[in-house]
Amino acid sequence: MDFKYKKYIDNSLIYIIFAVLILIFIIGFLFFRSHNEKSKLEDLGRTISEINLTYDFSEDSITSEDYVSSIENKLEKLQETNSALKSLKVSQKHQNLSSPLKDGLDKNIELFNKLLSILKTPDALNISDEYAIASKLKKECENYYSICRSNLIPVYLYKEGNNYLQDIFYYINELIKTNRDKGFVQSQKNDFVVSMKSLLLKLSSMDEKLFETANLIKESNRDLKVLVTDIENKLSSLQELKNNLYSLPIPEQANDSFLALENALKSYDKYINYFYKGLLDEIENKKTPEDYYDKSSTLFDEFIYSLEAAEKSLDNYNKN
């Protein structure tokens, strides 16, 4: 009886030891698996950080092409890391670690693609909107990575003391300012050209050969006084043109066009005032001043020449 009892005890002990060993193995396996999963996630976090924080070009003289090449290189590496992360089988226990890392990496890649697009099209009209989208993606990505770091997954989009991403955003912001300045300059130029064309058109409409009109009036035995009102109206229009010209803001490189039109106005002023004075003398003295019409014709030709020069100067400015 004692022998059977002892044998029973021995068998039970063997089973217990075996069960304990199996339990230890299972616990060890689960612990190792858990530790291994977390370790792999930590390694991926470090890899992502290294990609994001590495300067892969000289900081002495950076061009847009440097940034483009750098981001393209980083995107390729981030895509490879993303594939590795998505192929990693993670237990339910570590879903809270892998999920924000996956979401953060997706935003990371989306951000770099957006920055790449902006840098490749620096003159795009919507660059300010694209910059705002990039800023939003940066914030969203960092929010996910912040969750990862709170779970002891060391992953960074940017880091204090590392200005890689900050430098890119600063560079793009400078592009926006440059585009804004270009837009202002172009808008100012367009306004100037439109105003100048309007002034030239009005001045062109006043290019009447008054000496020929005076001859026709005399040939038809009409009174030359009918021309006085017309000339006074033209003098009034001339003064208005001068006022409008001198009130124009002059863009850079437009001074020659301004001076050319100013010269045309002065030429017309000289022509019409000379004719007006001679006309009044003729009306008062009942005779034509000596060489009056010949001189008027010469002054008119000088005006036409200066008018054409002003039109050509404005056209050249507009094309440049």
Protein backbone atom coordinates (compact mmCIF):
# COMPACT_ATOMS: atom_id res chain seq x y z
CA MET A 1 0.00 0.00 0.00
CA ASP A 2 2.82 2.34 0.90
CA PHE A 3 4.59 1.49 -2.33
CA LYS A 4 1.53 2.29 -4.45
CA TYR A 5 1.02 5.56 -2.62
CA LYS A 6 4.62 6.54 -3.09
CA LYS A 7 4.43 5.68 -6.78
CA TYR A 8 1.30 7.81 -7.09
CA ILE A 9 3.04 10.71 -5.41
CA ASP A 10 6.05 10.38 -7.70
CA ASN A 11 3.87 10.35 -10.81
CA SER A 12 1.90 13.37 -9.64
CA LEU A 13 5.09 15.25 -8.92
CA ILE A 14 6.38 14.50 -12.40
CA TYR A 15 3.16 15.81 -13.92
CA ILE A 16 3.30 18.94 -11.79
CA ILE A 17 6.92 19.60 -12.69
CA PHE A 18 6.14 19.03 -16.35
CA ALA A 19 3.16 21.37 -16.18
CA VAL A 20 5.25 24.00 -14.43
CA LEU A 21 7.95 23.70 -17.08
CA ILE A 22 5.38 24.06 -19.83
CA LEU A 23 3.91 27.09 -18.06
CA ILE A 24 7.36 28.62 -17.67
CA PHE A 25 8.04 28.00 -21.34
CA ILE A 26 4.73 29.58 -22.37
CA ILE A 27 5.30 32.58 -20.11
CA GLY A 28 8.85 32.90 -21.37
CA PHE A 29 7.72 32.63 -24.97
CA LEU A 30 5.01 35.22 -24.49
CA PHE A 31 7.41 37.52 -22.66
CA PHE A 32 10.06 37.13 -25.33
CA ARG A 33 7.49 37.66 -28.06
CA SER A 34 6.15 40.75 -26.31
CA HIS A 35 9.63 42.11 -25.71
CA ASN A 36 10.63 41.31 -29.27
CA GLU A 37 7.59 43.12 -30.72
CA LYS A 38 8.25 46.24 -28.63
CA SER A 39 11.94 46.08 -29.49
CA LYS A 40 11.16 45.98 -33.21
CA LEU A 41 8.76 48.92 -32.87
CA GLU A 42 11.45 50.85 -31.00
CA ASP A 43 13.98 50.08 -33.74
CA LEU A 44 11.54 51.28 -36.41
CA GLY A 45 10.97 54.46 -34.40
CA ARG A 46 14.72 55.09 -34.26
CA THR A 47 15.00 54.44 -38.01
CA ILE A 48 12.22 56.94 -38.76
CA SER A 49 13.89 59.52 -36.49
CA GLU A 50 17.25 59.05 -38.16
CA ILE A 51 15.68 59.55 -41.60
CA ASN A 52 13.83 62.69 -40.50
CA LEU A 53 16.71 64.32 -38.65
CA THR A 54 19.64 63.59 -40.96
CA TYR A 55 21.14 66.41 -43.03
CA ASP A 56 22.18 64.74 -46.27
CA PHE A 57 23.63 67.83 -47.92
CA SER A 58 26.00 70.67 -47.12
CA GLU A 59 24.43 73.39 -44.97
CA ASP A 60 26.78 76.08 -46.32
CA SER A 61 24.97 76.81 -49.56
CA ILE A 62 21.52 75.23 -49.87
CA THR A 63 19.42 75.43 -53.02
CA SER A 64 15.92 74.30 -53.87
CA GLU A 65 17.45 71.36 -55.76
CA ASP A 66 19.26 70.29 -52.57
CA TYR A 67 15.99 70.16 -50.65
CA VAL A 68 14.22 68.30 -53.47
CA SER A 69 16.96 65.68 -53.69
CA SER A 70 17.07 65.31 -49.92
CA ILE A 71 13.32 64.85 -49.52
CA GLU A 72 13.16 62.38 -52.40
CA ASN A 73 15.89 60.35 -50.70
CA LYS A 74 14.08 60.48 -47.35
CA LEU A 75 10.77 59.51 -48.93
CA GLU A 76 12.32 56.41 -50.45
CA LYS A 77 13.66 55.35 -47.06
CA LEU A 78 10.40 56.17 -45.27
CA GLN A 79 8.46 54.07 -47.77
CA GLU A 80 10.77 51.13 -47.09
CA THR A 81 10.31 51.61 -43.35
CA ASN A 82 6.55 51.84 -43.82
CA SER A 83 6.55 48.51 -45.65
CA ALA A 84 8.54 46.94 -42.81
CA LEU A 85 6.15 48.36 -40.22
CA LYS A 86 3.04 47.16 -42.01
CA SER A 87 4.47 43.67 -42.50
CA LEU A 88 5.27 43.40 -38.78
CA LYS A 89 2.77 41.15 -37.00
CA VAL A 90 1.88 42.78 -33.72
CA SER A 91 -0.19 41.19 -30.95
CA GLN A 92 -3.28 42.85 -29.55
CA LYS A 93 -1.24 43.89 -26.52
CA HIS A 94 0.95 46.20 -28.59
CA GLN A 95 -1.67 47.62 -30.93
CA ASN A 96 -1.63 50.79 -28.85
CA LEU A 97 2.08 51.10 -29.74
CA SER A 98 1.98 50.21 -33.43
CA SER A 99 -1.21 52.07 -34.37
CA PRO A 100 -0.01 55.66 -33.63
CA LEU A 101 3.37 54.79 -35.17
CA LYS A 102 1.68 53.68 -38.40
CA ASP A 103 -0.59 56.73 -38.47
CA GLY A 104 2.32 59.05 -37.72
CA LEU A 105 4.48 57.52 -40.45
CA ASP A 106 1.63 57.87 -42.96
CA LYS A 107 1.38 61.58 -42.09
CA ASN A 108 5.17 61.84 -42.22
CA ILE A 109 5.21 60.51 -45.79
CA GLU A 110 2.24 62.68 -46.79
CA LEU A 111 4.01 65.75 -45.36
CA PHE A 112 7.24 65.08 -47.26
CA ASN A 113 5.30 64.50 -50.48
CA LYS A 114 3.55 67.85 -49.96
CA LEU A 115 6.86 69.64 -49.31
CA LEU A 116 8.34 68.02 -52.40
CA SER A 117 5.41 69.20 -54.53
CA ILE A 118 5.78 72.78 -53.23
CA LEU A 119 9.53 72.87 -53.87
CA LYS A 120 9.09 71.55 -57.41
CA THR A 121 6.49 74.23 -58.27
CA PRO A 122 7.71 77.33 -56.38
CA ASP A 123 5.77 79.73 -58.64
CA ALA A 124 2.40 78.02 -58.14
CA LEU A 125 -0.42 80.45 -57.43
CA ASN A 126 -1.72 78.27 -54.58
CA ILE A 127 1.63 77.96 -52.78
CA SER A 128 0.24 79.66 -49.64
CA ASP A 129 -2.61 77.14 -49.45
CA GLU A 130 -0.17 74.26 -49.97
CA TYR A 131 2.05 75.66 -47.21
CA ALA A 132 -0.93 75.72 -44.84
CA ILE A 133 -1.70 72.07 -45.67
CA ALA A 134 1.94 71.13 -45.03
CA SER A 135 1.84 72.91 -41.66
CA LYS A 136 -1.31 70.98 -40.72
CA LEU A 137 0.28 67.65 -41.73
CA LYS A 138 3.37 68.50 -39.67
CA LYS A 139 1.23 69.10 -36.59
CA GLU A 140 -0.81 65.92 -37.10
CA CYS A 141 2.33 63.83 -37.60
CA GLU A 142 3.99 65.22 -34.48
CA ASN A 143 0.82 64.54 -32.46
CA TYR A 144 1.01 60.84 -33.38
CA TYR A 145 4.74 60.68 -32.68
CA SER A 146 4.17 62.36 -29.32
CA ILE A 147 1.80 59.52 -28.39
CA CYS A 148 4.48 57.05 -29.45
CA ARG A 149 7.09 58.72 -27.24
CA SER A 150 4.72 58.63 -24.28
CA ASN A 151 4.66 54.84 -24.86
CA LEU A 152 8.50 54.83 -24.92
CA ILE A 153 8.76 54.45 -28.71
CA PRO A 154 11.56 56.92 -29.59
CA VAL A 155 10.35 58.54 -32.82
CA TYR A 156 10.77 62.17 -33.90
CA LEU A 157 9.70 64.29 -36.85
CA TYR A 158 11.93 67.10 -35.62
CA LYS A 159 13.96 67.69 -32.50
CA GLU A 160 15.29 70.66 -30.57
CA GLY A 161 18.66 71.60 -31.98
CA ASN A 162 17.91 69.98 -35.35
CA ASN A 163 16.63 72.54 -37.85
CA TYR A 164 16.21 70.36 -40.93
CA LEU A 165 12.42 70.61 -41.16
CA GLN A 166 12.36 74.15 -39.78
CA ASP A 167 14.80 75.26 -42.49
CA ILE A 168 12.59 73.80 -45.23
CA PHE A 169 9.49 75.55 -43.90
CA TYR A 170 11.47 78.80 -43.62
CA TYR A 171 12.71 78.40 -47.19
CA ILE A 172 9.16 77.86 -48.48
CA ASN A 173 7.94 80.85 -46.49
CA GLU A 174 10.58 82.96 -48.25
CA LEU A 175 9.32 81.62 -51.59
CA ILE A 176 5.82 82.76 -50.66
CA LYS A 177 7.11 86.24 -49.81
CA THR A 178 9.01 86.39 -53.09
CA ASN A 179 5.92 85.34 -55.03
CA ARG A 180 3.84 87.90 -53.16
CA ASP A 181 6.37 90.61 -54.03
CA LYS A 182 6.41 89.47 -57.65
CA GLY A 183 2.63 89.54 -57.69
CA PHE A 184 2.59 93.07 -56.29
CA VAL A 185 5.19 94.24 -58.81
CA GLN A 186 3.28 92.63 -61.68
CA SER A 187 -0.01 94.11 -60.47
CA GLN A 188 1.58 97.56 -60.18
CA LYS A 189 3.06 97.17 -63.65
CA ASN A 190 -0.29 96.12 -65.13
CA ASP A 191 -2.07 99.09 -63.52
CA PHE A 192 0.61 101.46 -64.80
CA VAL A 193 0.43 100.13 -68.36
CA VAL A 194 -3.38 100.34 -68.42
CA SER A 195 -3.30 103.94 -67.14
CA MET A 196 -0.56 104.95 -69.57
CA LYS A 197 -2.40 103.42 -72.52
CA SER A 198 -5.51 105.36 -71.53
CA LEU A 199 -3.54 108.62 -71.40
CA LEU A 200 -1.87 107.90 -74.73
CA LEU A 201 -5.24 107.13 -76.31
CA LYS A 202 -6.69 110.44 -75.11
CA LEU A 203 -3.63 112.34 -76.28
CA SER A 204 -3.79 110.62 -79.67
CA SER A 205 -7.41 111.72 -80.06
CA MET A 206 -6.22 115.34 -79.79
CA ASP A 207 -3.77 115.15 -82.71
CA GLU A 208 -5.74 117.49 -84.94
CA LYS A 209 -3.85 119.60 -87.50
CA LEU A 210 -5.39 122.85 -86.32
CA PHE A 211 -3.59 124.93 -88.95
CA GLU A 212 -5.35 122.91 -91.68
CA THR A 213 -8.67 123.35 -89.90
CA ALA A 214 -8.03 127.10 -89.74
CA ASN A 215 -7.34 127.20 -93.49
CA LEU A 216 -10.59 125.36 -94.23
CA ILE A 217 -12.53 127.81 -92.06
CA LYS A 218 -11.01 130.78 -93.86
CA GLU A 219 -11.62 129.23 -97.27
CA SER A 220 -15.30 128.88 -96.41
CA ASN A 221 -15.38 132.51 -95.19
CA ARG A 222 -16.27 131.52 -91.62
CA ASP A 223 -15.10 133.22 -88.45
CA LEU A 224 -11.91 131.78 -86.90
CA LYS A 225 -13.45 132.31 -83.45
CA VAL A 226 -15.18 128.94 -83.82
CA LEU A 227 -11.73 127.39 -83.25
CA VAL A 228 -11.15 129.21 -79.96
CA THR A 229 -13.63 127.12 -77.96
CA ASP A 230 -12.24 123.90 -79.44
CA ILE A 231 -8.67 124.87 -78.51
CA GLU A 232 -9.68 125.90 -74.99
CA ASN A 233 -11.32 122.49 -74.55
CA LYS A 234 -8.13 120.83 -75.76
CA LEU A 235 -6.05 122.90 -73.33
CA SER A 236 -8.35 121.81 -70.50
CA SER A 237 -8.00 118.16 -71.57
CA LEU A 238 -4.22 118.60 -71.76
CA GLN A 239 -4.09 119.86 -68.17
CA GLU A 240 -6.20 116.90 -67.06
CA LEU A 241 -3.79 114.51 -68.81
CA LYS A 242 -0.84 116.14 -67.05
CA ASN A 243 -2.53 115.85 -63.66
CA ASN A 244 -3.33 112.19 -64.26
CA LEU A 245 0.21 111.43 -65.42
CA TYR A 246 1.85 113.06 -62.40
CA SER A 247 -0.48 111.24 -60.01
CA LEU A 248 0.61 107.83 -61.32
CA PRO A 249 2.87 105.69 -59.10
CA ILE A 250 5.88 104.80 -61.24
CA PRO A 251 6.99 101.15 -60.99
CA GLU A 252 10.62 100.13 -61.16
CA GLN A 253 11.99 100.18 -64.73
CA ALA A 254 9.05 102.35 -65.91
CA ASN A 255 10.74 105.74 -65.66
CA ASP A 256 11.64 105.86 -69.37
CA SER A 257 8.01 105.31 -70.36
CA PHE A 258 6.89 108.00 -67.93
CA LEU A 259 9.42 110.50 -69.28
CA ALA A 260 8.51 109.66 -72.89
CA LEU A 261 4.84 110.44 -72.29
CA GLU A 262 5.76 113.54 -70.31
CA ASN A 263 7.82 114.69 -73.29
CA ALA A 264 4.87 114.04 -75.64
CA LEU A 265 2.60 116.15 -73.42
CA LYS A 266 5.15 118.97 -73.35
CA SER A 267 5.47 118.76 -77.12
CA TYR A 268 1.69 118.99 -77.54
CA ASP A 269 1.59 121.83 -75.02
CA LYS A 270 4.15 123.76 -77.07
CA TYR A 271 2.31 123.08 -80.32
CA ILE A 272 -1.20 124.01 -79.22
CA ASN A 273 -0.19 127.09 -77.21
CA TYR A 274 1.85 128.41 -80.13
CA PHE A 275 -1.08 127.89 -82.46
CA TYR A 276 -3.54 129.39 -79.95
CA LYS A 277 -1.48 132.55 -79.50
CA GLY A 278 -1.11 132.95 -83.28
CA LEU A 279 -4.83 132.34 -83.80
CA LEU A 280 -5.76 135.05 -81.31
CA ASP A 281 -3.31 137.44 -83.00
CA GLU A 282 -4.83 136.67 -86.38
CA ILE A 283 -8.38 137.18 -85.09
CA GLU A 284 -7.43 140.48 -83.43
CA ASN A 285 -5.23 141.91 -86.21
CA LYS A 286 -7.15 140.41 -89.12
CA LYS A 287 -3.93 139.06 -90.64
CA THR A 288 -1.89 135.87 -90.49
CA PRO A 289 1.40 136.11 -88.51
CA GLU A 290 4.54 135.50 -90.57
CA ASP A 291 5.45 131.81 -90.96
CA TYR A 292 2.67 131.04 -88.48
CA TYR A 293 1.27 127.96 -90.21
CA ASP A 294 4.68 126.59 -91.21
CA LYS A 295 5.89 126.78 -87.61
CA SER A 296 2.66 125.16 -86.39
CA SER A 297 3.13 122.31 -88.84
CA THR A 298 6.70 121.74 -87.63
CA LEU A 299 5.61 121.70 -83.98
CA PHE A 300 2.81 119.28 -84.84
CA ASP A 301 5.29 116.92 -86.52
CA GLU A 302 7.50 117.07 -83.43
CA PHE A 303 4.49 116.20 -81.28
CA ILE A 304 3.59 113.19 -83.47
CA TYR A 305 7.17 111.97 -83.28
CA SER A 306 7.22 112.25 -79.48
CA LEU A 307 3.81 110.54 -79.26
CA GLU A 308 5.04 107.57 -81.30
CA ALA A 309 8.19 107.42 -79.15
CA ALA A 310 6.03 107.29 -76.00
CA GLU A 311 3.90 104.48 -77.43
CA LYS A 312 7.02 102.50 -78.38
CA SER A 313 8.61 103.03 -74.97
CA LEU A 314 5.51 101.78 -73.17
CA ASP A 315 5.28 98.77 -75.46
CA ASN A 316 8.92 97.87 -74.71
CA TYR A 317 8.33 98.21 -70.97
CA ASN A 318 5.21 96.06 -71.13
CA LYS A 319 7.06 93.28 -72.98
CA ASN A 320 9.94 93.12 -70.49
